[in-house]
PDB file of N, CA and C in Angstrom:
ATOM      1  N   MET A   1      17.761  28.860   3.787  1.00  0.00           N
ATOM      2  CA  MET A   1      16.289  29.293   3.963  1.00  0.00           C
ATOM      3  C   MET A   1      16.567  30.690   4.870  1.00  0.00           C
ATOM      4  N   SER A   2      16.473  32.077   4.187  1.00  0.00           N
ATOM      5  CA  SER A   2      16.719  32.874   5.310  1.00  0.00           C
ATOM      6  C   SER A   2      15.384  32.820   6.237  1.00  0.00           C
ATOM      7  N   GLY A   3      16.045  33.538   7.372  1.00  0.00           N
ATOM      8  CA  GLY A   3      14.616  33.880   7.795  1.00  0.00           C
ATOM      9  C   GLY A   3      15.256  32.784   9.460  1.00  0.00           C
ATOM     10  N   GLN A   4      15.696  31.976   9.648  1.00  0.00           N
ATOM     11  CA  GLN A   4      15.878  31.021  10.497  1.00  0.00           C
ATOM     12  C   GLN A   4      16.632  31.672  11.619  1.00  0.00           C
ATOM     13  N   PHE A   5      16.458  31.034  12.792  1.00  0.00           N
ATOM     14  CA  PHE A   5      17.472  31.175  13.670  1.00  0.00           C
ATOM     15  C   PHE A   5      16.698  30.760  14.666  1.00  0.00           C
ATOM     16  N   SER A   6      17.326  30.513  15.093  1.00  0.00           N
ATOM     17  CA  SER A   6      17.395  30.001  17.238  1.00  0.00           C
ATOM     18  C   SER A   6      18.171  30.666  17.776  1.00  0.00           C
ATOM     19  N   ASN A   7      17.351  30.269  19.373  1.00  0.00           N
ATOM     20  CA  ASN A   7      18.038  30.735  20.657  1.00  0.00           C
ATOM     21  C   ASN A   7      17.811  29.610  21.364  1.00  0.00           C
ATOM     22  N   ILE A   8      19.219  29.728  22.854  1.00  0.00           N
ATOM     23  CA  ILE A   8      18.895  28.309  23.406  1.00  0.00           C
ATOM     24  C   ILE A   8      19.185  29.219  25.267  1.00  0.00           C
ATOM     25  N   VAL A   9      18.682  28.843  25.675  1.00  0.00           N
ATOM     26  CA  VAL A   9      19.309  29.330  27.050  1.00  0.00           C
ATOM     27  C   VAL A   9      19.140  28.627  28.040  1.00  0.00           C
ATOM     28  N   TRP A  10      20.095  28.843  29.246  1.00  0.00           N
ATOM     29  CA  TRP A  10      19.891  27.917  30.860  1.00  0.00           C
ATOM     30  C   TRP A  10      19.130  28.871  31.539  1.00  0.00           C
ATOM     31  N   THR A  11      17.929  28.340  32.254  1.00  0.00           N
ATOM     32  CA  THR A  11      17.311  29.342  33.686  1.00  0.00           C
ATOM     33  C   THR A  11      18.050  28.816  34.875  1.00  0.00           C
ATOM     34  N   ASN A  12      17.666  30.130  35.377  1.00  0.00           N
ATOM     35  CA  ASN A  12      18.050  29.996  37.069  1.00  0.00           C
ATOM     36  C   ASN A  12      17.688  28.291  37.576  1.00  0.00           C
ATOM     37  N   ASP A  13      16.625  27.827  37.298  1.00  0.00           N
ATOM     38  CA  ASP A  13      15.936  26.534  38.258  1.00  0.00           C
ATOM     39  C   ASP A  13      16.252  25.743  37.167  1.00  0.00           C
ATOM     40  N   ASP A  14      17.575  25.695  36.479  1.00  0.00           N
ATOM     41  CA  ASP A  14      17.720  24.105  35.937  1.00  0.00           C
ATOM     42  C   ASP A  14      17.428  23.758  33.971  1.00  0.00           C
ATOM     43  N   ARG A  15      16.339  24.504  33.791  1.00  0.00           N
ATOM     44  CA  ARG A  15      15.210  23.921  32.426  1.00  0.00           C
ATOM     45  C   ARG A  15      16.432  24.572  31.673  1.00  0.00           C
ATOM     46  N   LEU A  16      16.044  24.070  30.239  1.00  0.00           N
ATOM     47  CA  LEU A  16      16.627  24.761  29.165  1.00  0.00           C
ATOM     48  C   LEU A  16      15.735  24.561  28.394  1.00  0.00           C
ATOM     49  N   VAL A  17      15.928  26.077  27.869  1.00  0.00           N
ATOM     50  CA  VAL A  17      14.634  26.863  26.937  1.00  0.00           C
ATOM     51  C   VAL A  17      15.144  27.465  25.345  1.00  0.00           C
ATOM     52  N   LEU A  18      14.760  26.312  24.139  1.00  0.00           N
ATOM     53  CA  LEU A  18      14.797  26.663  23.323  1.00  0.00           C
ATOM     54  C   LEU A  18      13.634  27.389  22.536  1.00  0.00           C
ATOM     55  N   ILE A  19      13.651  28.221  21.534  1.00  0.00           N
ATOM     56  CA  ILE A  19      13.112  28.814  20.813  1.00  0.00           C
ATOM     57  C   ILE A  19      13.843  28.752  19.424  1.00  0.00           C
ATOM     58  N   ALA A  20      12.661  28.313  18.309  1.00  0.00           N
ATOM     59  CA  ALA A  20      13.123  28.370  17.042  1.00  0.00           C
ATOM     60  C   ALA A  20      12.311  28.611  15.702  1.00  0.00           C
ATOM     61  N   GLN A  21      12.878  28.863  15.383  1.00  0.00           N
ATOM     62  CA  GLN A  21      12.041  29.165  13.512  1.00  0.00           C
ATOM     63  C   GLN A  21      12.206  28.442  12.329  1.00  0.00           C
ATOM     64  N   GLY A  22      11.853  28.258  11.806  1.00  0.00           N
ATOM     65  CA  GLY A  22      12.316  27.708  10.226  1.00  0.00           C
ATOM     66  C   GLY A  22      11.269  26.659   9.451  1.00  0.00           C
ATOM     67  N   GLY A  23      11.279  26.397   8.507  1.00  0.00           N
ATOM     68  CA  GLY A  23      10.725  25.834   7.608  1.00  0.00           C
ATOM     69  C   GLY A  23       8.767  26.782   8.023  1.00  0.00           C
ATOM     70  N   GLY A  24       9.040  27.158   7.942  1.00  0.00           N
ATOM     71  CA  GLY A  24       7.221  28.660   8.171  1.00  0.00           C
ATOM     72  C   GLY A  24       6.156  28.362   9.376  1.00  0.00           C
ATOM     73  N   ARG A  25       7.910  27.487  10.489  1.00  0.00           N
ATOM     74  CA  ARG A  25       7.048  27.688  12.049  1.00  0.00           C
ATOM     75  C   ARG A  25       8.141  28.049  12.944  1.00  0.00           C
ATOM     76  N   THR A  26       7.230  28.271  13.603  1.00  0.00           N
ATOM     77  CA  THR A  26       8.090  28.870  15.247  1.00  0.00           C
ATOM     78  C   THR A  26       7.988  28.066  16.321  1.00  0.00           C
ATOM     79  N   VAL A  27       8.396  27.390  16.611  1.00  0.00           N
ATOM     80  CA  VAL A  27       8.276  26.458  17.979  1.00  0.00           C
ATOM     81  C   VAL A  27       8.956  27.093  19.375  1.00  0.00           C
ATOM     82  N   LEU A  28       8.584  26.613  20.562  1.00  0.00           N
ATOM     83  CA  LEU A  28       9.241  26.777  21.650  1.00  0.00           C
ATOM     84  C   LEU A  28       9.745  24.945  22.827  1.00  0.00           C
ATOM     85  N   GLY A  29      10.103  25.041  22.790  1.00  0.00           N
ATOM     86  CA  GLY A  29      10.585  24.175  23.713  1.00  0.00           C
ATOM     87  C   GLY A  29      11.049  24.468  25.460  1.00  0.00           C
ATOM     88  N   ILE A  30      10.865  23.237  26.106  1.00  0.00           N
ATOM     89  CA  ILE A  30      11.675  23.649  27.837  1.00  0.00           C
ATOM     90  C   ILE A  30      11.581  21.904  28.178  1.00  0.00           C
ATOM     91  N   TRP A  31      12.957  22.052  28.070  1.00  0.00           N
ATOM     92  CA  TRP A  31      13.255  20.398  29.011  1.00  0.00           C
ATOM     93  C   TRP A  31      14.069  21.017  30.359  1.00  0.00           C
ATOM     94  N   LYS A  32      13.192  19.649  31.130  1.00  0.00           N
ATOM     95  CA  LYS A  32      13.940  19.812  32.499  1.00  0.00           C
ATOM     96  C   LYS A  32      14.882  18.490  32.618  1.00  0.00           C
ATOM     97  N   PRO A  33      15.917  18.628  33.748  1.00  0.00           N
ATOM     98  CA  PRO A  33      16.740  17.691  33.886  1.00  0.00           C
ATOM     99  C   PRO A  33      16.265  16.748  34.391  1.00  0.00           C
ATOM    100  N   GLY A  34      16.676  15.490  33.872  1.00  0.00           N
ATOM    101  CA  GLY A  34      16.400  13.790  34.266  1.00  0.00           C
ATOM    102  C   GLY A  34      14.947  13.791  32.712  1.00  0.00           C
ATOM    103  N   GLY A  35      14.556  14.429  31.900  1.00  0.00           N
ATOM    104  CA  GLY A  35      13.943  14.319  31.444  1.00  0.00           C
ATOM    105  C   GLY A  35      14.176  14.335  29.472  1.00  0.00           C
ATOM    106  N   THR A  36      13.771  12.923  29.513  1.00  0.00           N
ATOM    107  CA  THR A  36      14.108  12.190  28.240  1.00  0.00           C
ATOM    108  C   THR A  36      13.662  12.540  26.911  1.00  0.00           C
ATOM    109  N   MET A  37      13.024  13.591  26.988  1.00  0.00           N
ATOM    110  CA  MET A  37      12.848  13.994  25.724  1.00  0.00           C
ATOM    111  C   MET A  37      12.122  15.978  25.380  1.00  0.00           C
ATOM    112  N   LEU A  38      12.423  16.383  24.165  1.00  0.00           N
ATOM    113  CA  LEU A  38      12.750  18.025  24.756  1.00  0.00           C
ATOM    114  C   LEU A  38      11.150  18.319  24.339  1.00  0.00           C
ATOM    115  N   PRO A  39       9.744  18.375  24.578  1.00  0.00           N
ATOM    116  CA  PRO A  39       8.390  18.500  24.400  1.00  0.00           C
ATOM    117  C   PRO A  39       8.400  19.555  23.904  1.00  0.00           C
ATOM    118  N   LEU A  40       8.054  20.444  22.153  1.00  0.00           N
ATOM    119  CA  LEU A  40       7.641  21.646  21.405  1.00  0.00           C
ATOM    120  C   LEU A  40       6.245  21.713  20.995  1.00  0.00           C
ATOM    121  N   ARG A  41       5.967  23.039  21.678  1.00  0.00           N
ATOM    122  CA  ARG A  41       4.847  23.683  21.545  1.00  0.00           C
ATOM    123  C   ARG A  41       4.827  24.849  19.643  1.00  0.00           C
ATOM    124  N   THR A  42       4.468  24.591  19.270  1.00  0.00           N
ATOM    125  CA  THR A  42       4.574  25.954  17.965  1.00  0.00           C
ATOM    126  C   THR A  42       3.931  27.196  18.649  1.00  0.00           C
ATOM    127  N   LEU A  43       4.210  28.204  17.802  1.00  0.00           N
ATOM    128  CA  LEU A  43       4.038  29.111  18.277  1.00  0.00           C
ATOM    129  C   LEU A  43       3.262  30.627  17.194  1.00  0.00           C
ATOM    130  N   PRO A  44       2.709  30.930  16.574  1.00  0.00           N
ATOM    131  CA  PRO A  44       2.509  32.192  16.150  1.00  0.00           C
ATOM    132  C   PRO A  44       3.468  32.222  15.620  1.00  0.00           C
ATOM    133  N   THR A  45       3.506  32.648  14.191  1.00  0.00           N
ATOM    134  CA  THR A  45       4.780  33.472  13.637  1.00  0.00           C
ATOM    135  C   THR A  45       4.972  34.643  13.295  1.00  0.00           C
ATOM    136  N   LEU A  46       5.926  35.634  14.076  1.00  0.00           N
ATOM    137  CA  LEU A  46       5.185  36.206  14.158  1.00  0.00           C
ATOM    138  C   LEU A  46       6.739  37.062  14.632  1.00  0.00           C
ATOM    139  N   GLN A  47       6.634  38.435  13.610  1.00  0.00           N
ATOM    140  CA  GLN A  47       8.946  39.079  14.111  1.00  0.00           C
ATOM    141  C   GLN A  47       8.701  38.780  15.490  1.00  0.00           C
ATOM    142  N   GLY A  48      10.268  38.920  16.070  1.00  0.00           N
ATOM    143  CA  GLY A  48      10.577  39.550  17.505  1.00  0.00           C
ATOM    144  C   GLY A  48      10.814  38.397  17.941  1.00  0.00           C
ATOM    145  N   TYR A  49      10.506  36.926  17.969  1.00  0.00           N
ATOM    146  CA  TYR A  49      10.978  36.022  18.239  1.00  0.00           C
ATOM    147  C   TYR A  49      12.655  35.799  18.897  1.00  0.00           C
ATOM    148  N   ASN A  50      13.309  36.668  18.212  1.00  0.00           N
ATOM    149  CA  ASN A  50      14.564  36.203  17.619  1.00  0.00           C
ATOM    150  C   ASN A  50      15.518  35.952  19.019  1.00  0.00           C
ATOM    151  N   SER A  51      14.613  37.200  20.004  1.00  0.00           N
ATOM    152  CA  SER A  51      15.725  37.772  21.494  1.00  0.00           C
ATOM    153  C   SER A  51      14.919  37.559  22.618  1.00  0.00           C
ATOM    154  N   PHE A  52      15.551  36.651  23.614  1.00  0.00           N
ATOM    155  CA  PHE A  52      14.207  36.465  24.112  1.00  0.00           C
ATOM    156  C   PHE A  52      15.003  36.566  25.412  1.00  0.00           C
ATOM    157  N   VAL A  53      14.685  36.766  26.564  1.00  0.00           N
ATOM    158  CA  VAL A  53      14.561  36.206  27.960  1.00  0.00           C
ATOM    159  C   VAL A  53      13.837  35.741  28.934  1.00  0.00           C
ATOM    160  N   PRO A  54      14.019  34.485  28.911  1.00  0.00           N
ATOM    161  CA  PRO A  54      13.426  33.423  30.024  1.00  0.00           C
ATOM    162  C   PRO A  54      12.895  34.474  31.449  1.00  0.00           C
ATOM    163  N   ILE A  55      12.407  33.901  32.118  1.00  0.00           N
ATOM    164  CA  ILE A  55      11.966  34.107  33.553  1.00  0.00           C
ATOM    165  C   ILE A  55      11.454  32.931  34.468  1.00  0.00           C
ATOM    166  N   ALA A  56      12.674  33.245  35.570  1.00  0.00           N
ATOM    167  CA  ALA A  56      13.102  32.271  36.194  1.00  0.00           C
ATOM    168  C   ALA A  56      12.146  32.460  37.346  1.00  0.00           C
ATOM    169  N   ARG A  57      11.113  31.320  37.928  1.00  0.00           N
ATOM    170  CA  ARG A  57      10.705  31.677  39.275  1.00  0.00           C
ATOM    171  C   ARG A  57      11.018  31.023  40.616  1.00  0.00           C
TER     172      ARG A  57
END
């Protein structure tokens, strides 16, 4: 399937951030150390999510 992508990065405060697109949807997941699950949120399917820089506070 064309148009699929994913990015994954660790933030400065040790969170794992994942953004992925495929199957007609885009999702964002943020995992914190010690977490047993990676909660996902659906994002609007727009162009331009294939590259991002997370902001750590």
